[in-house]
C-alpha atoms as a PDB file:
ATOM      1  CA  MET A   1     179.038 207.213  86.252  1.00  0.00           C
ATOM      2  CA  ILE A   2     177.170 210.093  87.926  1.00  0.00           C
ATOM      3  CA  GLN A   3     173.851 210.879  86.259  1.00  0.00           C
ATOM      4  CA  ALA A   4     172.570 213.754  88.436  1.00  0.00           C
ATOM      5  CA  VAL A   5     173.281 215.701  91.606  1.00  0.00           C
ATOM      6  CA  GLY A   6     170.961 217.612  93.929  1.00  0.00           C
ATOM      7  CA  ILE A   7     171.667 219.714  97.021  1.00  0.00           C
ATOM      8  CA  ASP A   8     169.437 221.525  99.518  1.00  0.00           C
ATOM      9  CA  ILE A   9     169.796 223.524 102.693  1.00  0.00           C
ATOM     10  CA  VAL A  10     166.992 224.134 105.184  1.00  0.00           C
ATOM     11  CA  GLU A  11     166.655 226.306 108.268  1.00  0.00           C
ATOM     12  CA  THR A  12     165.994 223.991 111.133  1.00  0.00           C
ATOM     13  CA  ASP A  13     163.798 226.577 112.932  1.00  0.00           C
ATOM     14  CA  ARG A  14     161.496 226.851 109.911  1.00  0.00           C
ATOM     15  CA  ILE A  15     160.841 223.121 109.908  1.00  0.00           C
ATOM     16  CA  GLY A  16     160.496 223.119 113.694  1.00  0.00           C
ATOM     17  CA  GLN A  17     157.896 225.921 113.593  1.00  0.00           C
ATOM     18  CA  ALA A  18     155.876 224.051 110.959  1.00  0.00           C
ATOM     19  CA  TYR A  19     156.011 220.877 113.049  1.00  0.00           C
ATOM     20  CA  HIS A  20     154.949 222.662 116.246  1.00  0.00           C
ATOM     21  CA  ARG A  21     152.224 224.596 114.495  1.00  0.00           C
ATOM     22  CA  TYR A  22     150.681 221.799 112.409  1.00  0.00           C
ATOM     23  CA  GLY A  23     151.830 218.649 114.245  1.00  0.00           C
ATOM     24  CA  ASP A  24     150.640 215.369 112.744  1.00  0.00           C
ATOM     25  CA  ARG A  25     149.140 217.131 109.733  1.00  0.00           C
ATOM     26  CA  PHE A  26     152.599 218.432 108.777  1.00  0.00           C
ATOM     27  CA  LEU A  27     154.177 215.012 109.347  1.00  0.00           C
ATOM     28  CA  ARG A  28     151.589 213.169 107.243  1.00  0.00           C
ATOM     29  CA  ARG A  29     151.998 215.642 104.383  1.00  0.00           C
ATOM     30  CA  ILE A  30     155.770 215.396 104.127  1.00  0.00           C
ATOM     31  CA  TYR A  31     156.970 212.172 105.794  1.00  0.00           C
ATOM     32  CA  SER A  32     156.197 208.466 105.376  1.00  0.00           C
ATOM     33  CA  PRO A  33     154.919 206.379 108.298  1.00  0.00           C
ATOM     34  CA  ASP A  34     158.346 204.789 108.681  1.00  0.00           C
ATOM     35  CA  GLU A  35     160.040 208.197 108.833  1.00  0.00           C
ATOM     36  CA  VAL A  36     157.504 209.361 111.471  1.00  0.00           C
ATOM     37  CA  ALA A  37     158.193 206.215 113.454  1.00  0.00           C
ATOM     38  CA  ALA A  38     161.933 206.985 113.317  1.00  0.00           C
ATOM     39  CA  LEU A  39     161.210 210.458 114.775  1.00  0.00           C
ATOM     40  CA  ALA A  40     160.602 208.778 118.163  1.00  0.00           C
ATOM     41  CA  ASP A  41     164.360 208.064 118.362  1.00  0.00           C
ATOM     42  CA  HIS A  42     165.061 211.782 117.970  1.00  0.00           C
ATOM     43  CA  ALA A  43     162.551 213.188 120.493  1.00  0.00           C
ATOM     44  CA  THR A  44     165.088 215.602 122.037  1.00  0.00           C
ATOM     45  CA  GLU A  45     165.858 217.270 118.704  1.00  0.00           C
ATOM     46  CA  PRO A  46     162.877 216.630 116.402  1.00  0.00           C
ATOM     47  CA  ALA A  47     163.443 219.804 114.337  1.00  0.00           C
ATOM     48  CA  HIS A  48     166.981 218.744 113.412  1.00  0.00           C
ATOM     49  CA  PHE A  49     165.869 215.279 112.396  1.00  0.00           C
ATOM     50  CA  LEU A  50     162.923 216.560 110.343  1.00  0.00           C
ATOM     51  CA  ALA A  51     164.939 219.339 108.726  1.00  0.00           C
ATOM     52  CA  GLY A  52     167.610 216.888 107.635  1.00  0.00           C
ATOM     53  CA  ARG A  53     165.014 214.599 106.110  1.00  0.00           C
ATOM     54  CA  PHE A  54     163.291 217.567 104.430  1.00  0.00           C
ATOM     55  CA  ALA A  55     166.576 218.786 102.904  1.00  0.00           C
ATOM     56  CA  ALA A  56     167.353 215.236 101.705  1.00  0.00           C
ATOM     57  CA  LYS A  57     163.953 214.906 100.025  1.00  0.00           C
ATOM     58  CA  GLU A  58     164.422 218.271  98.278  1.00  0.00           C
ATOM     59  CA  ALA A  59     167.952 217.361  97.150  1.00  0.00           C
ATOM     60  CA  ILE A  60     166.608 214.088  95.684  1.00  0.00           C
ATOM     61  CA  MET A  61     163.788 215.909  93.943  1.00  0.00           C
ATOM     62  CA  LYS A  62     166.345 218.231  92.334  1.00  0.00           C
ATOM     63  CA  ALA A  63     168.388 215.292  91.186  1.00  0.00           C
ATOM     64  CA  LEU A  64     165.294 213.445  89.944  1.00  0.00           C
ATOM     65  CA  GLY A  65     164.288 216.540  87.964  1.00  0.00           C
ATOM     66  CA  ARG A  66     166.468 215.236  85.212  1.00  0.00           C
ATOM     67  CA  PHE A  67     164.380 212.032  85.129  1.00  0.00           C
ATOM     68  CA  PHE A  68     160.840 213.313  85.744  1.00  0.00           C
ATOM     69  CA  ASP A  69     158.927 216.360  84.538  1.00  0.00           C
ATOM     70  CA  ARG A  70     156.349 216.184  87.334  1.00  0.00           C
ATOM     71  CA  GLY A  71     154.488 213.769  89.528  1.00  0.00           C
ATOM     72  CA  VAL A  72     157.021 213.550  92.341  1.00  0.00           C
ATOM     73  CA  ALA A  73     155.798 214.281  95.860  1.00  0.00           C
ATOM     74  CA  LEU A  74     157.893 214.535  99.030  1.00  0.00           C
ATOM     75  CA  ARG A  75     156.107 211.534 100.507  1.00  0.00           C
ATOM     76  CA  ASP A  76     157.195 209.469  97.491  1.00  0.00           C
ATOM     77  CA  ILE A  77     160.766 209.737  98.783  1.00  0.00           C
ATOM     78  CA  GLU A  78     161.700 208.104 102.089  1.00  0.00           C
ATOM     79  CA  ILE A  79     164.904 208.721 103.982  1.00  0.00           C
ATOM     80  CA  LEU A  80     165.615 205.841 106.335  1.00  0.00           C
ATOM     81  CA  ASN A  81     168.713 204.622 108.157  1.00  0.00           C
ATOM     82  CA  LEU A  82     170.744 201.440 108.035  1.00  0.00           C
ATOM     83  CA  PRO A  83     171.451 199.816 111.430  1.00  0.00           C
ATOM     84  CA  ALA A  84     174.784 201.605 111.566  1.00  0.00           C
ATOM     85  CA  GLY A  85     173.059 204.983 111.052  1.00  0.00           C
ATOM     86  CA  GLN A  86     173.841 205.702 107.395  1.00  0.00           C
ATOM     87  CA  PRO A  87     170.924 207.233 105.572  1.00  0.00           C
ATOM     88  CA  TYR A  88     169.494 205.576 102.525  1.00  0.00           C
ATOM     89  CA  VAL A  89     166.695 206.310 100.062  1.00  0.00           C
ATOM     90  CA  ARG A  90     163.612 204.250  99.455  1.00  0.00           C
ATOM     91  CA  LEU A  91     161.420 205.417  96.550  1.00  0.00           C
ATOM     92  CA  LYS A  92     157.775 204.562  95.985  1.00  0.00           C
ATOM     93  CA  PRO A  93     157.408 201.967  93.207  1.00  0.00           C
ATOM     94  CA  HIS A  94     156.182 204.470  90.559  1.00  0.00           C
ATOM     95  CA  LEU A  95     159.497 206.346  90.907  1.00  0.00           C
ATOM     96  CA  ALA A  96     161.855 203.396  91.505  1.00  0.00           C
ATOM     97  CA  GLY A  97     160.702 201.670  88.313  1.00  0.00           C
ATOM     98  CA  ASN A  98     162.083 204.564  86.241  1.00  0.00           C
ATOM     99  CA  LEU A  99     165.486 204.368  87.916  1.00  0.00           C
ATOM    100  CA  ILE A 100     166.333 200.724  87.287  1.00  0.00           C
ATOM    101  CA  GLY A 101     170.078 200.333  87.023  1.00  0.00           C
ATOM    102  CA  LYS A 102     170.701 203.494  89.047  1.00  0.00           C
ATOM    103  CA  ARG A 103     171.265 204.123  92.733  1.00  0.00           C
ATOM    104  CA  ILE A 104     170.800 207.222  94.868  1.00  0.00           C
ATOM    105  CA  SER A 105     173.337 208.059  97.533  1.00  0.00           C
ATOM    106  CA  ILE A 106     172.469 210.659 100.172  1.00  0.00           C
ATOM    107  CA  SER A 107     174.409 212.599 102.766  1.00  0.00           C
ATOM    108  CA  ILE A 108     172.862 214.741 105.451  1.00  0.00           C
ATOM    109  CA  THR A 109     174.662 217.127 107.800  1.00  0.00           C
ATOM    110  CA  HIS A 110     173.649 219.680 110.423  1.00  0.00           C
ATOM    111  CA  SER A 111     175.424 222.873 111.491  1.00  0.00           C
ATOM    112  CA  GLY A 112     173.934 225.331 113.887  1.00  0.00           C
ATOM    113  CA  CYS A 113     170.484 226.212 112.614  1.00  0.00           C
ATOM    114  CA  TYR A 114     170.850 224.553 109.196  1.00  0.00           C
ATOM    115  CA  ALA A 115     170.439 221.078 107.751  1.00  0.00           C
ATOM    116  CA  LEU A 116     172.070 220.331 104.433  1.00  0.00           C
ATOM    117  CA  ALA A 117     171.744 217.309 102.156  1.00  0.00           C
ATOM    118  CA  THR A 118     173.358 216.173  98.926  1.00  0.00           C
ATOM    119  CA  ALA A 119     171.954 213.480  96.617  1.00  0.00           C
ATOM    120  CA  VAL A 120     173.840 211.735  93.847  1.00  0.00           C
ATOM    121  CA  ILE A 121     172.210 209.495  91.245  1.00  0.00           C
ATOM    122  CA  GLU A 122     174.652 207.164  89.537  1.00  0.00           C
ATOM    123  CA  GLU A 123     174.681 204.050  87.462  1.00  0.00           C
ATOM    124  CA  GLU A 124     174.964 200.823  89.417  1.00  0.00           C
ATOM    125  CA  GLU A 125     178.020 198.766  88.754  1.00  0.00           C
END
């Protein structure tokens, strides 16, 4: 059963400009070390990769809003990939503990200058 849904859209150029202007400071504020490491595989299109991850984090935060009043930071949410490329969510322990028995599914897409993500929180079977 679906518990919550979140969606977000981000302009790729906006994220790209923040990355180029602030560099590592921007990355450390928003992304986990594992996400930053994955950026190396997307060196030709870093803005698209980062924008997709940013949109996914925002979509998850919107879905989590039903479960948390505050205390959720973007770095608490990691968007990683399975070997086949499918994105998955890894939450920091203080968030994951409150979602026992639930799973978060995420989908990320890019079109032109936008990245869009949808997050669904549902009960595990």
